[in-house]
Amino acid sequence: MEAVLDALWHSPLKEWARDSLSRQMRLGITDAELLQTCYERLENNTLCEVTETEEEEAREPKIICSLALVKPDRRQSREGEGYEQPIVQN
């Protein structure tokens, strides 16, 4: 099960696998049957699109988004002028 989850986490499904699994889930496949199907397709290399560069890059964490939070200046909030520029406090 871990191999299937790892493959699904790091690589996109092949279009054929996505369509086929989606159809089977609509028809009411059980969780155990779904896992078995995914495992068989993983073994046959028909589940996910994996390239060598993706395998290498998957080992390194990636920053997807960064968010900077700043404390608003109390004077601006009292005056009601809004926050035209962020105020960075060291």
C-alpha atoms as a PDB file:
ATOM      1  CA  MET A   1       0.000   0.000   0.000  1.00  0.00           C
ATOM      2  CA  GLU A   2       2.862   2.407   0.765  1.00  0.00           C
ATOM      3  CA  ALA A   3       4.294   1.966  -2.732  1.00  0.00           C
ATOM      4  CA  VAL A   4       0.953   2.910  -4.300  1.00  0.00           C
ATOM      5  CA  LEU A   5       0.527   5.949  -2.041  1.00  0.00           C
ATOM      6  CA  ASP A   6       4.094   7.073  -2.693  1.00  0.00           C
ATOM      7  CA  ALA A   7       3.600   6.814  -6.460  1.00  0.00           C
ATOM      8  CA  LEU A   8       0.305   8.708  -6.299  1.00  0.00           C
ATOM      9  CA  TRP A   9       1.820  11.401  -4.079  1.00  0.00           C
ATOM     10  CA  HIS A  10       4.861  12.087  -6.257  1.00  0.00           C
ATOM     11  CA  SER A  11       3.596  11.531  -9.810  1.00  0.00           C
ATOM     12  CA  PRO A  12       0.448  12.330 -11.769  1.00  0.00           C
ATOM     13  CA  LEU A  13      -1.840   9.532 -12.919  1.00  0.00           C
ATOM     14  CA  LYS A  14      -1.645   8.502 -16.530  1.00  0.00           C
ATOM     15  CA  GLU A  15      -4.740   9.633 -18.396  1.00  0.00           C
ATOM     16  CA  TRP A  16      -5.852   6.087 -19.123  1.00  0.00           C
ATOM     17  CA  ALA A  17      -5.447   5.072 -15.467  1.00  0.00           C
ATOM     18  CA  ARG A  18      -7.355   8.142 -14.277  1.00  0.00           C
ATOM     19  CA  ASP A  19     -10.278   7.449 -16.605  1.00  0.00           C
ATOM     20  CA  SER A  20     -10.359   3.747 -15.805  1.00  0.00           C
ATOM     21  CA  LEU A  21     -10.153   4.190 -12.025  1.00  0.00           C
ATOM     22  CA  SER A  22     -12.752   6.938 -12.111  1.00  0.00           C
ATOM     23  CA  ARG A  23     -15.131   4.672 -14.027  1.00  0.00           C
ATOM     24  CA  GLN A  24     -14.586   1.798 -11.594  1.00  0.00           C
ATOM     25  CA  MET A  25     -15.220   4.041  -8.578  1.00  0.00           C
ATOM     26  CA  ARG A  26     -18.503   5.237 -10.123  1.00  0.00           C
ATOM     27  CA  LEU A  27     -19.497   1.585 -10.538  1.00  0.00           C
ATOM     28  CA  GLY A  28     -18.921   0.943  -6.819  1.00  0.00           C
ATOM     29  CA  ILE A  29     -15.546  -0.789  -6.570  1.00  0.00           C
ATOM     30  CA  THR A  30     -14.563  -1.616  -2.975  1.00  0.00           C
ATOM     31  CA  ASP A  31     -11.548   0.002  -1.322  1.00  0.00           C
ATOM     32  CA  ALA A  32      -9.665  -3.310  -1.305  1.00  0.00           C
ATOM     33  CA  GLU A  33     -10.353  -3.859  -5.020  1.00  0.00           C
ATOM     34  CA  LEU A  34      -9.290  -0.293  -5.802  1.00  0.00           C
ATOM     35  CA  LEU A  35      -6.026  -0.758  -3.924  1.00  0.00           C
ATOM     36  CA  GLN A  36      -5.383  -4.073  -5.683  1.00  0.00           C
ATOM     37  CA  THR A  37      -6.067  -2.492  -9.080  1.00  0.00           C
ATOM     38  CA  CYS A  38      -3.729   0.412  -8.338  1.00  0.00           C
ATOM     39  CA  TYR A  39      -1.018  -1.955  -7.133  1.00  0.00           C
ATOM     40  CA  GLU A  40      -1.291  -4.095 -10.291  1.00  0.00           C
ATOM     41  CA  ARG A  41      -1.080  -1.021 -12.494  1.00  0.00           C
ATOM     42  CA  LEU A  42       1.899   0.269 -10.535  1.00  0.00           C
ATOM     43  CA  GLU A  43       3.668  -3.059 -11.074  1.00  0.00           C
ATOM     44  CA  ASN A  44       2.848  -2.909 -14.826  1.00  0.00           C
ATOM     45  CA  ASN A  45       3.966   0.752 -15.001  1.00  0.00           C
ATOM     46  CA  THR A  46       0.517   1.850 -16.173  1.00  0.00           C
ATOM     47  CA  LEU A  47      -0.527   3.877 -13.113  1.00  0.00           C
ATOM     48  CA  CYS A  48       1.618   7.013 -12.963  1.00  0.00           C
ATOM     49  CA  GLU A  49       3.773   9.062 -15.304  1.00  0.00           C
ATOM     50  CA  VAL A  50       7.224   8.902 -13.750  1.00  0.00           C
ATOM     51  CA  THR A  51      10.390  10.226 -15.358  1.00  0.00           C
ATOM     52  CA  GLU A  52      13.933   9.958 -14.073  1.00  0.00           C
ATOM     53  CA  THR A  53      14.118  13.686 -13.310  1.00  0.00           C
ATOM     54  CA  GLU A  54      10.880  13.504 -11.315  1.00  0.00           C
ATOM     55  CA  GLU A  55      12.314  10.629  -9.288  1.00  0.00           C
ATOM     56  CA  GLU A  56      15.419  12.679  -8.484  1.00  0.00           C
ATOM     57  CA  GLU A  57      13.466  15.847  -7.724  1.00  0.00           C
ATOM     58  CA  ALA A  58      10.954  14.005  -5.549  1.00  0.00           C
ATOM     59  CA  ARG A  59      13.646  13.447  -2.939  1.00  0.00           C
ATOM     60  CA  GLU A  60      14.241  17.171  -2.470  1.00  0.00           C
ATOM     61  CA  PRO A  61      11.583  19.294  -0.763  1.00  0.00           C
ATOM     62  CA  LYS A  62      10.206  22.164  -2.837  1.00  0.00           C
ATOM     63  CA  ILE A  63       8.836  25.502  -1.715  1.00  0.00           C
ATOM     64  CA  ILE A  64       5.493  25.907  -3.402  1.00  0.00           C
ATOM     65  CA  CYS A  65       4.461  29.188  -1.837  1.00  0.00           C
ATOM     66  CA  SER A  66       5.784  31.552   0.784  1.00  0.00           C
ATOM     67  CA  LEU A  67       3.661  33.878   2.845  1.00  0.00           C
ATOM     68  CA  ALA A  68       5.008  36.843   4.762  1.00  0.00           C
ATOM     69  CA  LEU A  69       2.913  38.135   7.637  1.00  0.00           C
ATOM     70  CA  VAL A  70       3.389  41.607   8.998  1.00  0.00           C
ATOM     71  CA  LYS A  71       1.884  43.390  11.960  1.00  0.00           C
ATOM     72  CA  PRO A  72      -0.257  46.363  10.868  1.00  0.00           C
ATOM     73  CA  ASP A  73       0.713  49.790  12.139  1.00  0.00           C
ATOM     74  CA  ARG A  74      -1.806  50.901  14.768  1.00  0.00           C
ATOM     75  CA  ARG A  75      -1.744  54.503  13.492  1.00  0.00           C
ATOM     76  CA  GLN A  76      -2.905  53.453  10.051  1.00  0.00           C
ATOM     77  CA  SER A  77      -5.755  51.334  11.407  1.00  0.00           C
ATOM     78  CA  ARG A  78      -6.959  54.227  13.602  1.00  0.00           C
ATOM     79  CA  GLU A  79      -6.819  56.749  10.800  1.00  0.00           C
ATOM     80  CA  GLY A  80      -8.689  54.431   8.431  1.00  0.00           C
ATOM     81  CA  GLU A  81      -6.313  55.061   5.542  1.00  0.00           C
ATOM     82  CA  GLY A  82      -5.800  51.375   4.806  1.00  0.00           C
ATOM     83  CA  TYR A  83      -2.571  49.516   4.301  1.00  0.00           C
ATOM     84  CA  GLU A  84      -0.815  50.880   1.280  1.00  0.00           C
ATOM     85  CA  GLN A  85       2.557  49.362   2.132  1.00  0.00           C
ATOM     86  CA  PRO A  86       3.338  46.486   4.475  1.00  0.00           C
ATOM     87  CA  ILE A  87       5.142  47.432   7.638  1.00  0.00           C
ATOM     88  CA  VAL A  88       8.061  45.144   8.392  1.00  0.00           C
ATOM     89  CA  GLN A  89       9.191  45.007  11.980  1.00  0.00           C
ATOM     90  CA  ASN A  90      12.599  43.652  12.873  1.00  0.00           C
END
